[in-house]
PDB file of N, CA and C in Angstrom:
ATOM      1  N   MET A   1       0.922  -1.326  -0.145  1.00  0.00           N
ATOM      2  CA  MET A   1       0.098   0.263   0.336  1.00  0.00           C
ATOM      3  C   MET A   1       0.548   1.428  -0.131  1.00  0.00           C
ATOM      4  N   SER A   2       0.862   2.250  -1.065  1.00  0.00           N
ATOM      5  CA  SER A   2       1.294   3.421  -1.045  1.00  0.00           C
ATOM      6  C   SER A   2       0.439   4.369  -0.823  1.00  0.00           C
ATOM      7  N   ILE A   3       0.887   5.333   0.176  1.00  0.00           N
ATOM      8  CA  ILE A   3      -0.422   6.395   0.612  1.00  0.00           C
ATOM      9  C   ILE A   3       0.521   7.960   0.234  1.00  0.00           C
ATOM     10  N   VAL A   4      -0.199   8.825  -0.607  1.00  0.00           N
ATOM     11  CA  VAL A   4       0.097  10.066  -0.640  1.00  0.00           C
ATOM     12  C   VAL A   4      -0.730  10.821   0.048  1.00  0.00           C
ATOM     13  N   GLU A   5      -0.216  12.171   0.513  1.00  0.00           N
ATOM     14  CA  GLU A   5      -0.588  13.061   1.244  1.00  0.00           C
ATOM     15  C   GLU A   5      -1.227  13.850   0.266  1.00  0.00           C
ATOM     16  N   VAL A   6      -2.332  14.482   0.286  1.00  0.00           N
ATOM     17  CA  VAL A   6      -2.733  15.354  -0.184  1.00  0.00           C
ATOM     18  C   VAL A   6      -2.735  17.051   0.587  1.00  0.00           C
ATOM     19  N   LYS A   7      -2.045  18.165   0.103  1.00  0.00           N
ATOM     20  CA  LYS A   7      -1.905  18.653   1.363  1.00  0.00           C
ATOM     21  C   LYS A   7      -2.341  20.298   0.973  1.00  0.00           C
ATOM     22  N   VAL A   8      -2.817  21.386   1.721  1.00  0.00           N
ATOM     23  CA  VAL A   8      -2.825  22.642   1.492  1.00  0.00           C
ATOM     24  C   VAL A   8      -2.093  23.101   0.608  1.00  0.00           C
ATOM     25  N   PRO A   9      -1.936  24.095  -0.543  1.00  0.00           N
ATOM     26  CA  PRO A   9      -0.920  24.432  -1.403  1.00  0.00           C
ATOM     27  C   PRO A   9      -0.096  25.846  -0.266  1.00  0.00           C
ATOM     28  N   GLN A  10       0.332  26.121  -0.612  1.00  0.00           N
ATOM     29  CA  GLN A  10       1.051  27.335  -0.190  1.00  0.00           C
ATOM     30  C   GLN A  10       0.385  28.550  -0.620  1.00  0.00           C
ATOM     31  N   LEU A  11      -0.206  29.204   0.766  1.00  0.00           N
ATOM     32  CA  LEU A  11      -0.876  30.481   0.628  1.00  0.00           C
ATOM     33  C   LEU A  11      -0.070  31.852   0.461  1.00  0.00           C
ATOM     34  N   SER A  12      -0.847  32.764   0.070  1.00  0.00           N
ATOM     35  CA  SER A  12      -0.009  33.997  -0.272  1.00  0.00           C
ATOM     36  C   SER A  12       0.631  34.566   1.238  1.00  0.00           C
ATOM     37  N   GLU A  13       1.606  35.131   1.434  1.00  0.00           N
ATOM     38  CA  GLU A  13       2.241  35.668   2.155  1.00  0.00           C
ATOM     39  C   GLU A  13       1.279  36.285   3.490  1.00  0.00           C
ATOM     40  N   SER A  14       0.562  37.198   3.303  1.00  0.00           N
ATOM     41  CA  SER A  14      -0.502  37.824   4.069  1.00  0.00           C
ATOM     42  C   SER A  14      -1.276  36.781   4.735  1.00  0.00           C
ATOM     43  N   VAL A  15      -1.299  35.831   3.919  1.00  0.00           N
ATOM     44  CA  VAL A  15      -2.815  34.976   4.417  1.00  0.00           C
ATOM     45  C   VAL A  15      -2.248  33.494   5.505  1.00  0.00           C
ATOM     46  N   ALA A  16      -2.810  33.705   6.472  1.00  0.00           N
ATOM     47  CA  ALA A  16      -2.500  32.769   7.605  1.00  0.00           C
ATOM     48  C   ALA A  16      -3.145  31.148   7.397  1.00  0.00           C
ATOM     49  N   GLU A  17      -4.511  31.402   7.023  1.00  0.00           N
ATOM     50  CA  GLU A  17      -5.399  30.406   6.886  1.00  0.00           C
ATOM     51  C   GLU A  17      -6.457  30.722   5.917  1.00  0.00           C
ATOM     52  N   ALA A  18      -7.381  29.264   5.590  1.00  0.00           N
ATOM     53  CA  ALA A  18      -7.642  29.289   4.605  1.00  0.00           C
ATOM     54  C   ALA A  18      -9.167  28.221   5.104  1.00  0.00           C
ATOM     55  N   THR A  19     -10.610  28.590   4.489  1.00  0.00           N
ATOM     56  CA  THR A  19     -11.667  27.557   4.632  1.00  0.00           C
ATOM     57  C   THR A  19     -11.760  26.543   3.532  1.00  0.00           C
ATOM     58  N   MET A  20     -12.184  25.370   3.766  1.00  0.00           N
ATOM     59  CA  MET A  20     -12.305  24.186   2.784  1.00  0.00           C
ATOM     60  C   MET A  20     -13.902  24.459   2.685  1.00  0.00           C
ATOM     61  N   LEU A  21     -14.018  24.404   1.175  1.00  0.00           N
ATOM     62  CA  LEU A  21     -15.352  24.460   0.487  1.00  0.00           C
ATOM     63  C   LEU A  21     -15.990  23.369   0.618  1.00  0.00           C
ATOM     64  N   ASN A  22     -16.302  22.337  -0.498  1.00  0.00           N
ATOM     65  CA  ASN A  22     -17.114  20.856  -0.721  1.00  0.00           C
ATOM     66  C   ASN A  22     -15.998  20.027  -1.454  1.00  0.00           C
ATOM     67  N   TRP A  23     -15.767  19.089  -0.727  1.00  0.00           N
ATOM     68  CA  TRP A  23     -15.307  18.224  -1.641  1.00  0.00           C
ATOM     69  C   TRP A  23     -15.763  17.283  -2.742  1.00  0.00           C
ATOM     70  N   LYS A  24     -15.246  17.403  -4.037  1.00  0.00           N
ATOM     71  CA  LYS A  24     -15.524  16.686  -5.066  1.00  0.00           C
ATOM     72  C   LYS A  24     -15.946  15.434  -4.899  1.00  0.00           C
ATOM     73  N   LYS A  25     -15.164  14.598  -3.841  1.00  0.00           N
ATOM     74  CA  LYS A  25     -14.989  13.465  -3.953  1.00  0.00           C
ATOM     75  C   LYS A  25     -14.872  12.771  -2.312  1.00  0.00           C
ATOM     76  N   LYS A  26     -15.923  11.946  -2.438  1.00  0.00           N
ATOM     77  CA  LYS A  26     -15.715  11.294  -1.083  1.00  0.00           C
ATOM     78  C   LYS A  26     -14.803   9.889  -0.917  1.00  0.00           C
ATOM     79  N   ALA A  27     -14.518   9.937   0.873  1.00  0.00           N
ATOM     80  CA  ALA A  27     -13.770   8.660   0.778  1.00  0.00           C
ATOM     81  C   ALA A  27     -14.026   7.714  -0.109  1.00  0.00           C
ATOM     82  N   GLY A  28     -12.965   6.524  -0.759  1.00  0.00           N
ATOM     83  CA  GLY A  28     -13.783   5.025  -1.120  1.00  0.00           C
ATOM     84  C   GLY A  28     -13.658   5.360  -2.612  1.00  0.00           C
ATOM     85  N   GLU A  29     -13.430   6.539  -3.439  1.00  0.00           N
ATOM     86  CA  GLU A  29     -13.831   6.840  -4.804  1.00  0.00           C
ATOM     87  C   GLU A  29     -12.371   7.057  -5.346  1.00  0.00           C
ATOM     88  N   ALA A  30     -12.280   6.807  -6.444  1.00  0.00           N
ATOM     89  CA  ALA A  30     -11.107   6.673  -7.577  1.00  0.00           C
ATOM     90  C   ALA A  30     -11.057   8.096  -7.886  1.00  0.00           C
ATOM     91  N   VAL A  31     -10.044   8.549  -7.814  1.00  0.00           N
ATOM     92  CA  VAL A  31      -9.160   9.819  -8.409  1.00  0.00           C
ATOM     93  C   VAL A  31      -8.002   9.749  -9.372  1.00  0.00           C
ATOM     94  N   ALA A  32      -8.258  10.603 -10.475  1.00  0.00           N
ATOM     95  CA  ALA A  32      -7.154  10.743 -11.275  1.00  0.00           C
ATOM     96  C   ALA A  32      -6.224  11.970 -11.125  1.00  0.00           C
ATOM     97  N   ILE A  33      -4.917  11.494 -11.330  1.00  0.00           N
ATOM     98  CA  ILE A  33      -3.963  12.455 -11.211  1.00  0.00           C
ATOM     99  C   ILE A  33      -4.400  14.146 -11.827  1.00  0.00           C
ATOM    100  N   ASP A  34      -4.246  15.334 -10.782  1.00  0.00           N
ATOM    101  CA  ASP A  34      -4.342  16.485 -11.624  1.00  0.00           C
ATOM    102  C   ASP A  34      -6.244  16.636 -11.223  1.00  0.00           C
ATOM    103  N   GLU A  35      -7.015  15.383 -10.572  1.00  0.00           N
ATOM    104  CA  GLU A  35      -8.585  15.846 -10.842  1.00  0.00           C
ATOM    105  C   GLU A  35      -8.490  17.080  -9.671  1.00  0.00           C
ATOM    106  N   ILE A  36      -9.445  17.446  -9.627  1.00  0.00           N
ATOM    107  CA  ILE A  36      -9.772  18.660  -8.702  1.00  0.00           C
ATOM    108  C   ILE A  36     -10.441  17.991  -7.759  1.00  0.00           C
ATOM    109  N   LEU A  37      -9.858  17.574  -6.201  1.00  0.00           N
ATOM    110  CA  LEU A  37     -10.455  17.201  -5.249  1.00  0.00           C
ATOM    111  C   LEU A  37     -11.347  18.125  -4.217  1.00  0.00           C
ATOM    112  N   ILE A  38     -11.019  19.545  -4.058  1.00  0.00           N
ATOM    113  CA  ILE A  38     -11.709  20.463  -3.247  1.00  0.00           C
ATOM    114  C   ILE A  38     -11.090  21.905  -3.745  1.00  0.00           C
ATOM    115  N   GLU A  39     -11.800  22.671  -3.513  1.00  0.00           N
ATOM    116  CA  GLU A  39     -11.632  24.253  -3.101  1.00  0.00           C
ATOM    117  C   GLU A  39     -11.700  24.763  -2.156  1.00  0.00           C
ATOM    118  N   ILE A  40     -10.396  25.603  -2.157  1.00  0.00           N
ATOM    119  CA  ILE A  40     -10.159  26.149  -0.592  1.00  0.00           C
ATOM    120  C   ILE A  40     -10.617  27.719  -1.061  1.00  0.00           C
ATOM    121  N   GLU A  41     -10.983  28.592   0.315  1.00  0.00           N
ATOM    122  CA  GLU A  41     -11.215  29.925   0.069  1.00  0.00           C
ATOM    123  C   GLU A  41     -10.119  30.673   0.948  1.00  0.00           C
ATOM    124  N   THR A  42      -9.859  31.571   0.577  1.00  0.00           N
ATOM    125  CA  THR A  42      -9.034  32.367   1.516  1.00  0.00           C
ATOM    126  C   THR A  42      -9.390  33.738   1.725  1.00  0.00           C
ATOM    127  N   ASP A  43      -9.272  34.590   2.085  1.00  0.00           N
ATOM    128  CA  ASP A  43      -9.838  36.121   2.230  1.00  0.00           C
ATOM    129  C   ASP A  43      -9.634  36.779   0.850  1.00  0.00           C
ATOM    130  N   LYS A  44      -8.546  36.183  -0.096  1.00  0.00           N
ATOM    131  CA  LYS A  44      -8.086  37.203  -1.325  1.00  0.00           C
ATOM    132  C   LYS A  44      -8.540  36.129  -2.293  1.00  0.00           C
ATOM    133  N   VAL A  45      -8.527  35.139  -2.587  1.00  0.00           N
ATOM    134  CA  VAL A  45      -8.800  33.970  -3.702  1.00  0.00           C
ATOM    135  C   VAL A  45      -9.284  32.193  -3.075  1.00  0.00           C
ATOM    136  N   VAL A  46     -10.026  31.650  -4.165  1.00  0.00           N
ATOM    137  CA  VAL A  46     -10.381  30.277  -3.881  1.00  0.00           C
ATOM    138  C   VAL A  46      -9.283  29.861  -4.772  1.00  0.00           C
ATOM    139  N   LEU A  47      -8.628  28.625  -4.282  1.00  0.00           N
ATOM    140  CA  LEU A  47      -7.416  27.976  -4.607  1.00  0.00           C
ATOM    141  C   LEU A  47      -8.372  26.493  -4.842  1.00  0.00           C
ATOM    142  N   GLU A  48      -7.962  25.613  -6.088  1.00  0.00           N
ATOM    143  CA  GLU A  48      -8.234  24.355  -6.341  1.00  0.00           C
ATOM    144  C   GLU A  48      -7.002  23.543  -5.872  1.00  0.00           C
ATOM    145  N   VAL A  49      -7.554  22.470  -5.231  1.00  0.00           N
ATOM    146  CA  VAL A  49      -6.374  21.379  -4.934  1.00  0.00           C
ATOM    147  C   VAL A  49      -6.726  20.157  -5.903  1.00  0.00           C
ATOM    148  N   PRO A  50      -5.446  20.324  -6.570  1.00  0.00           N
ATOM    149  CA  PRO A  50      -5.726  18.834  -7.318  1.00  0.00           C
ATOM    150  C   PRO A  50      -4.840  17.248  -6.617  1.00  0.00           C
ATOM    151  N   ALA A  51      -5.260  16.558  -6.891  1.00  0.00           N
ATOM    152  CA  ALA A  51      -4.860  15.247  -6.453  1.00  0.00           C
ATOM    153  C   ALA A  51      -3.345  14.870  -7.218  1.00  0.00           C
ATOM    154  N   PRO A  52      -2.742  14.895  -6.244  1.00  0.00           N
ATOM    155  CA  PRO A  52      -1.178  14.438  -6.660  1.00  0.00           C
ATOM    156  C   PRO A  52      -0.554  13.028  -7.165  1.00  0.00           C
ATOM    157  N   ALA A  53      -1.673  12.539  -7.031  1.00  0.00           N
ATOM    158  CA  ALA A  53      -1.400  10.878  -7.921  1.00  0.00           C
ATOM    159  C   ALA A  53      -2.729  10.244  -7.770  1.00  0.00           C
ATOM    160  N   ALA A  54      -2.689   9.265  -8.892  1.00  0.00           N
ATOM    161  CA  ALA A  54      -3.920   8.745  -9.030  1.00  0.00           C
ATOM    162  C   ALA A  54      -4.148   7.585  -8.227  1.00  0.00           C
ATOM    163  N   GLY A  55      -5.309   7.146  -7.845  1.00  0.00           N
ATOM    164  CA  GLY A  55      -5.357   6.209  -6.739  1.00  0.00           C
ATOM    165  C   GLY A  55      -7.128   6.121  -6.332  1.00  0.00           C
ATOM    166  N   VAL A  56      -7.043   6.034  -5.029  1.00  0.00           N
ATOM    167  CA  VAL A  56      -8.209   5.977  -4.338  1.00  0.00           C
ATOM    168  C   VAL A  56      -8.496   6.669  -3.312  1.00  0.00           C
ATOM    169  N   LEU A  57      -9.112   7.319  -3.245  1.00  0.00           N
ATOM    170  CA  LEU A  57      -9.156   8.670  -2.032  1.00  0.00           C
ATOM    171  C   LEU A  57      -9.171   7.869  -0.753  1.00  0.00           C
ATOM    172  N   SER A  58      -8.195   7.601  -0.058  1.00  0.00           N
ATOM    173  CA  SER A  58      -8.610   6.647   1.486  1.00  0.00           C
ATOM    174  C   SER A  58      -9.093   7.310   2.451  1.00  0.00           C
ATOM    175  N   GLU A  59      -9.116   8.382   2.634  1.00  0.00           N
ATOM    176  CA  GLU A  59      -8.864   9.323   3.819  1.00  0.00           C
ATOM    177  C   GLU A  59      -9.263  10.772   3.561  1.00  0.00           C
ATOM    178  N   ILE A  60     -10.368  11.291   4.239  1.00  0.00           N
ATOM    179  CA  ILE A  60     -10.659  12.949   3.927  1.00  0.00           C
ATOM    180  C   ILE A  60     -10.066  13.363   5.656  1.00  0.00           C
ATOM    181  N   ILE A  61      -9.278  14.038   6.024  1.00  0.00           N
ATOM    182  CA  ILE A  61      -9.032  14.446   7.212  1.00  0.00           C
ATOM    183  C   ILE A  61      -9.560  15.759   7.833  1.00  0.00           C
ATOM    184  N   ALA A  62      -9.708  16.615   6.882  1.00  0.00           N
ATOM    185  CA  ALA A  62     -10.497  18.116   7.145  1.00  0.00           C
ATOM    186  C   ALA A  62     -11.578  18.199   6.166  1.00  0.00           C
ATOM    187  N   GLY A  63     -12.664  18.172   6.762  1.00  0.00           N
ATOM    188  CA  GLY A  63     -13.883  18.069   6.218  1.00  0.00           C
ATOM    189  C   GLY A  63     -14.392  19.422   5.377  1.00  0.00           C
ATOM    190  N   ASP A  64     -15.741  19.738   5.184  1.00  0.00           N
ATOM    191  CA  ASP A  64     -15.987  21.021   4.578  1.00  0.00           C
ATOM    192  C   ASP A  64     -15.996  22.007   6.039  1.00  0.00           C
ATOM    193  N   GLY A  65     -15.719  23.150   5.489  1.00  0.00           N
ATOM    194  CA  GLY A  65     -15.720  24.187   6.315  1.00  0.00           C
ATOM    195  C   GLY A  65     -14.907  24.237   7.275  1.00  0.00           C
ATOM    196  N   ALA A  66     -13.632  23.080   7.370  1.00  0.00           N
ATOM    197  CA  ALA A  66     -12.762  23.002   8.103  1.00  0.00           C
ATOM    198  C   ALA A  66     -12.078  24.210   8.008  1.00  0.00           C
ATOM    199  N   THR A  67     -11.080  24.653   8.827  1.00  0.00           N
ATOM    200  CA  THR A  67     -10.442  25.940   8.463  1.00  0.00           C
ATOM    201  C   THR A  67      -8.771  25.239   8.683  1.00  0.00           C
ATOM    202  N   VAL A  68      -7.992  25.558   7.964  1.00  0.00           N
ATOM    203  CA  VAL A  68      -6.468  24.682   7.328  1.00  0.00           C
ATOM    204  C   VAL A  68      -5.766  26.044   7.207  1.00  0.00           C
ATOM    205  N   THR A  69      -4.387  25.229   7.169  1.00  0.00           N
ATOM    206  CA  THR A  69      -2.910  26.623   6.763  1.00  0.00           C
ATOM    207  C   THR A  69      -2.270  25.556   5.533  1.00  0.00           C
ATOM    208  N   ALA A  70      -1.466  26.422   5.392  1.00  0.00           N
ATOM    209  CA  ALA A  70      -0.719  26.052   4.010  1.00  0.00           C
ATOM    210  C   ALA A  70       0.338  24.603   4.757  1.00  0.00           C
ATOM    211  N   ASP A  71       0.463  23.905   3.592  1.00  0.00           N
ATOM    212  CA  ASP A  71       1.059  22.284   3.994  1.00  0.00           C
ATOM    213  C   ASP A  71       0.583  21.888   4.975  1.00  0.00           C
ATOM    214  N   GLN A  72      -0.689  21.835   5.477  1.00  0.00           N
ATOM    215  CA  GLN A  72      -1.281  20.887   6.265  1.00  0.00           C
ATOM    216  C   GLN A  72      -1.810  19.966   5.573  1.00  0.00           C
ATOM    217  N   VAL A  73      -2.068  18.513   6.364  1.00  0.00           N
ATOM    218  CA  VAL A  73      -2.665  17.449   5.268  1.00  0.00           C
ATOM    219  C   VAL A  73      -3.959  17.295   5.670  1.00  0.00           C
ATOM    220  N   ILE A  74      -4.661  17.036   4.220  1.00  0.00           N
ATOM    221  CA  ILE A  74      -6.224  17.228   4.379  1.00  0.00           C
ATOM    222  C   ILE A  74      -6.948  15.964   3.975  1.00  0.00           C
ATOM    223  N   ALA A  75      -5.812  15.371   3.235  1.00  0.00           N
ATOM    224  CA  ALA A  75      -6.194  14.056   2.386  1.00  0.00           C
ATOM    225  C   ALA A  75      -5.702  13.099   2.118  1.00  0.00           C
ATOM    226  N   LYS A  76      -5.389  11.703   2.146  1.00  0.00           N
ATOM    227  CA  LYS A  76      -4.574  10.523   1.731  1.00  0.00           C
ATOM    228  C   LYS A  76      -5.545  10.199   0.512  1.00  0.00           C
ATOM    229  N   ILE A  77      -4.271   9.601  -0.420  1.00  0.00           N
ATOM    230  CA  ILE A  77      -5.058   8.907  -1.306  1.00  0.00           C
ATOM    231  C   ILE A  77      -4.018   7.461  -1.585  1.00  0.00           C
ATOM    232  N   ASP A  78      -4.735   6.500  -1.821  1.00  0.00           N
ATOM    233  CA  ASP A  78      -3.828   5.278  -1.680  1.00  0.00           C
ATOM    234  C   ASP A  78      -3.746   4.802  -3.280  1.00  0.00           C
ATOM    235  N   THR A  79      -2.325   4.523  -3.632  1.00  0.00           N
ATOM    236  CA  THR A  79      -2.037   4.511  -5.237  1.00  0.00           C
ATOM    237  C   THR A  79      -2.264   3.079  -5.588  1.00  0.00           C
ATOM    238  N   ALA A  80      -2.319   2.464  -4.474  1.00  0.00           N
ATOM    239  CA  ALA A  80      -2.237   0.809  -5.260  1.00  0.00           C
ATOM    240  C   ALA A  80      -3.295   0.325  -4.654  1.00  0.00           C
ATOM    241  N   ALA A  81      -4.995   0.885  -4.640  1.00  0.00           N
ATOM    242  CA  ALA A  81      -6.179   0.426  -3.910  1.00  0.00           C
ATOM    243  C   ALA A  81      -6.722   0.778  -5.204  1.00  0.00           C
ATOM    244  N   LYS A  82      -7.987  -0.454  -5.651  1.00  0.00           N
ATOM    245  CA  LYS A  82      -8.610  -0.047  -6.794  1.00  0.00           C
ATOM    246  C   LYS A  82     -10.210   0.422  -6.057  1.00  0.00           C
ATOM    247  N   ALA A  83     -10.870   1.610  -6.673  1.00  0.00           N
ATOM    248  CA  ALA A  83     -12.057   1.910  -6.021  1.00  0.00           C
ATOM    249  C   ALA A  83     -12.871   0.927  -5.798  1.00  0.00           C
ATOM    250  N   SER A  84     -13.732   0.889  -4.503  1.00  0.00           N
ATOM    251  CA  SER A  84     -14.731   0.005  -4.331  1.00  0.00           C
ATOM    252  C   SER A  84     -16.123  -0.110  -4.844  1.00  0.00           C
ATOM    253  N   ALA A  85     -16.217   1.102  -6.219  1.00  0.00           N
ATOM    254  CA  ALA A  85     -17.574   1.230  -6.175  1.00  0.00           C
ATOM    255  C   ALA A  85     -18.452  -0.042  -6.783  1.00  0.00           C
ATOM    256  N   ALA A  86     -19.239  -0.270  -6.417  1.00  0.00           N
ATOM    257  CA  ALA A  86     -20.360  -1.037  -6.946  1.00  0.00           C
ATOM    258  C   ALA A  86     -20.862  -0.841  -8.054  1.00  0.00           C
ATOM    259  N   PRO A  87     -21.351  -1.590  -9.090  1.00  0.00           N
ATOM    260  CA  PRO A  87     -21.890  -0.675 -10.499  1.00  0.00           C
ATOM    261  C   PRO A  87     -23.252  -0.667  -9.669  1.00  0.00           C
ATOM    262  N   ALA A  88     -23.772   0.933 -10.240  1.00  0.00           N
ATOM    263  CA  ALA A  88     -24.858   1.170  -9.893  1.00  0.00           C
ATOM    264  C   ALA A  88     -26.049   0.288 -10.728  1.00  0.00           C
ATOM    265  N   ALA A  89     -27.060   0.328  -9.691  1.00  0.00           N
ATOM    266  CA  ALA A  89     -28.472  -0.734 -10.145  1.00  0.00           C
ATOM    267  C   ALA A  89     -29.091   0.035 -11.264  1.00  0.00           C
ATOM    268  N   ALA A  90     -29.363  -0.800 -12.613  1.00  0.00           N
ATOM    269  CA  ALA A  90     -30.138  -0.195 -13.774  1.00  0.00           C
ATOM    270  C   ALA A  90     -31.159   0.472 -13.206  1.00  0.00           C
ATOM    271  N   ALA A  91     -31.969   1.838 -13.758  1.00  0.00           N
ATOM    272  CA  ALA A  91     -33.378   1.981 -13.900  1.00  0.00           C
ATOM    273  C   ALA A  91     -34.214   1.212 -14.286  1.00  0.00           C
ATOM    274  N   PRO A  92     -35.352   0.542 -13.635  1.00  0.00           N
ATOM    275  CA  PRO A  92     -36.396  -0.145 -14.400  1.00  0.00           C
ATOM    276  C   PRO A  92     -36.456   0.454 -15.736  1.00  0.00           C
ATOM    277  N   ALA A  93     -36.965   0.051 -16.946  1.00  0.00           N
ATOM    278  CA  ALA A  93     -37.552   0.593 -17.956  1.00  0.00           C
ATOM    279  C   ALA A  93     -39.317   1.104 -17.553  1.00  0.00           C
ATOM    280  N   PRO A  94     -39.321   1.839 -18.240  1.00  0.00           N
ATOM    281  CA  PRO A  94     -40.899   2.617 -17.727  1.00  0.00           C
ATOM    282  C   PRO A  94     -41.916   1.711 -18.577  1.00  0.00           C
ATOM    283  N   ALA A  95     -42.957   1.761 -17.946  1.00  0.00           N
ATOM    284  CA  ALA A  95     -43.773   0.496 -18.408  1.00  0.00           C
ATOM    285  C   ALA A  95     -44.628   1.078 -19.646  1.00  0.00           C
TER     286      ALA A  95
END
């Protein structure tokens, strides 16, 4: 198992913290490298946080609305795992 940490990007010099907006993926879902996982809002800008590696989002450490700082670990990606996505049940055909 190989775990890659997802960290808050470097914030501008005058900004000490940021707020997590909405996660685009849930724990257990597959992610592609550079896929946007979440947006983080500072008082000046909204930053997109891309996945640093492909794999499965194994853990979300900082949830929606959390206050975070630069380089803080906010999630983990397991690069060796496969998504445990069960196929969606087909909707019955209209009668």
